Amino acid sequence: MNSIIKNRNIPEHYKINGQDTINTIVSIVKNNKLKTEEGLYLFNVLKYLIIFNNKDGMKDLVKSRDYLDRLMEVYGKEDKKNV
């Protein structure tokens, strides 16, 4: 882990049980072996779902759904190519 990231100040809405969720999200995205655009969308879906109740509520849920819609659109196009 990069020491710059390790020692930075993490906002409380990005923590679950005191742990930085961003590192967890990055691991999930990496393990899914997605293309860059798909990974970006998945990252944001997860991020907004994690923080919604501690930050901007419905606004964050709407953002998460927007990114999920984008992910589904891109993934759907890729899925059709593989059929």
Protein backbone atom coordinates (compact mmCIF):
# COMPACT_ATOMS: atom_id res chain seq x y z
CA MET A 1 0.00 0.00 0.00
CA ASN A 2 1.24 3.46 -0.85
CA SER A 3 2.32 5.35 2.28
CA ILE A 4 0.70 8.55 1.00
CA ILE A 5 -2.67 6.83 0.91
CA LYS A 6 -2.03 4.98 4.16
CA ASN A 7 -1.34 8.18 6.11
CA ARG A 8 -4.00 10.45 4.66
CA ASN A 9 -7.00 11.80 6.53
CA ILE A 10 -10.03 9.66 5.65
CA PRO A 11 -13.45 11.30 6.00
CA GLU A 12 -15.76 9.41 8.36
CA HIS A 13 -18.38 8.79 5.66
CA TYR A 14 -15.80 6.63 3.81
CA LYS A 15 -15.28 4.37 6.85
CA ILE A 16 -17.10 1.27 8.05
CA ASN A 17 -16.12 0.09 11.52
CA GLY A 18 -13.20 2.52 11.39
CA GLN A 19 -11.81 1.01 8.18
CA ASP A 20 -11.24 2.89 4.92
CA THR A 21 -13.77 1.52 2.42
CA ILE A 22 -12.01 3.04 -0.60
CA ASN A 23 -9.27 0.39 -0.41
CA THR A 24 -11.96 -2.31 -0.24
CA ILE A 25 -13.75 -0.87 -3.27
CA VAL A 26 -10.49 -0.73 -5.23
CA SER A 27 -9.88 -4.41 -4.41
CA ILE A 28 -13.38 -5.37 -5.56
CA VAL A 29 -12.96 -3.47 -8.82
CA LYS A 30 -9.54 -5.02 -9.47
CA ASN A 31 -10.80 -8.53 -8.74
CA ASN A 32 -13.61 -8.12 -11.27
CA LYS A 33 -11.02 -7.60 -14.03
CA LEU A 34 -13.18 -5.01 -15.78
CA LYS A 35 -12.25 -2.62 -18.52
CA THR A 36 -11.37 0.89 -17.34
CA GLU A 37 -14.79 2.41 -18.02
CA GLU A 38 -16.66 -0.47 -16.38
CA GLY A 39 -14.32 -0.34 -13.37
CA LEU A 40 -14.89 3.39 -12.99
CA TYR A 41 -18.65 2.92 -12.96
CA LEU A 42 -18.52 -0.01 -10.52
CA PHE A 43 -16.23 1.96 -8.20
CA ASN A 44 -18.72 4.84 -8.08
CA VAL A 45 -21.76 2.58 -7.63
CA LEU A 46 -20.16 1.01 -4.58
CA LYS A 47 -18.80 4.29 -3.22
CA TYR A 48 -22.17 6.04 -3.28
CA LEU A 49 -23.98 3.03 -1.81
CA ILE A 50 -21.53 2.98 1.08
CA ILE A 51 -21.67 6.69 1.90
CA PHE A 52 -25.33 7.54 1.21
CA ASN A 53 -26.61 7.17 4.76
CA ASN A 54 -23.74 9.19 6.25
CA LYS A 55 -23.50 11.93 3.66
CA ASP A 56 -26.11 13.09 1.13
CA GLY A 57 -28.81 10.41 1.42
CA MET A 58 -31.10 10.21 -1.59
CA LYS A 59 -28.75 12.36 -3.67
CA ASP A 60 -26.03 9.71 -3.29
CA LEU A 61 -28.49 6.90 -4.08
CA VAL A 62 -29.44 8.70 -7.29
CA LYS A 63 -25.75 9.04 -8.18
CA SER A 64 -25.22 5.34 -7.50
CA ARG A 65 -28.16 4.43 -9.74
CA ASP A 66 -26.83 6.69 -12.49
CA TYR A 67 -23.47 4.93 -12.40
CA LEU A 68 -25.20 1.53 -12.27
CA ASP A 69 -27.23 2.45 -15.36
CA ARG A 70 -24.01 3.47 -17.12
CA LEU A 71 -22.31 0.23 -16.08
CA MET A 72 -25.24 -1.84 -17.31
CA GLU A 73 -25.25 -0.01 -20.63
CA VAL A 74 -21.53 -0.54 -21.24
CA TYR A 75 -21.56 -4.09 -19.90
CA GLY A 76 -24.61 -4.91 -22.01
CA LYS A 77 -22.84 -3.77 -25.17
CA GLU A 78 -19.80 -5.91 -24.29
CA ASP A 79 -22.01 -8.87 -23.43
CA LYS A 80 -23.74 -8.68 -26.84
CA LYS A 81 -20.34 -8.73 -28.57
CA ASN A 82 -19.51 -12.01 -26.84
CA VAL A 83 -22.72 -13.81 -27.88
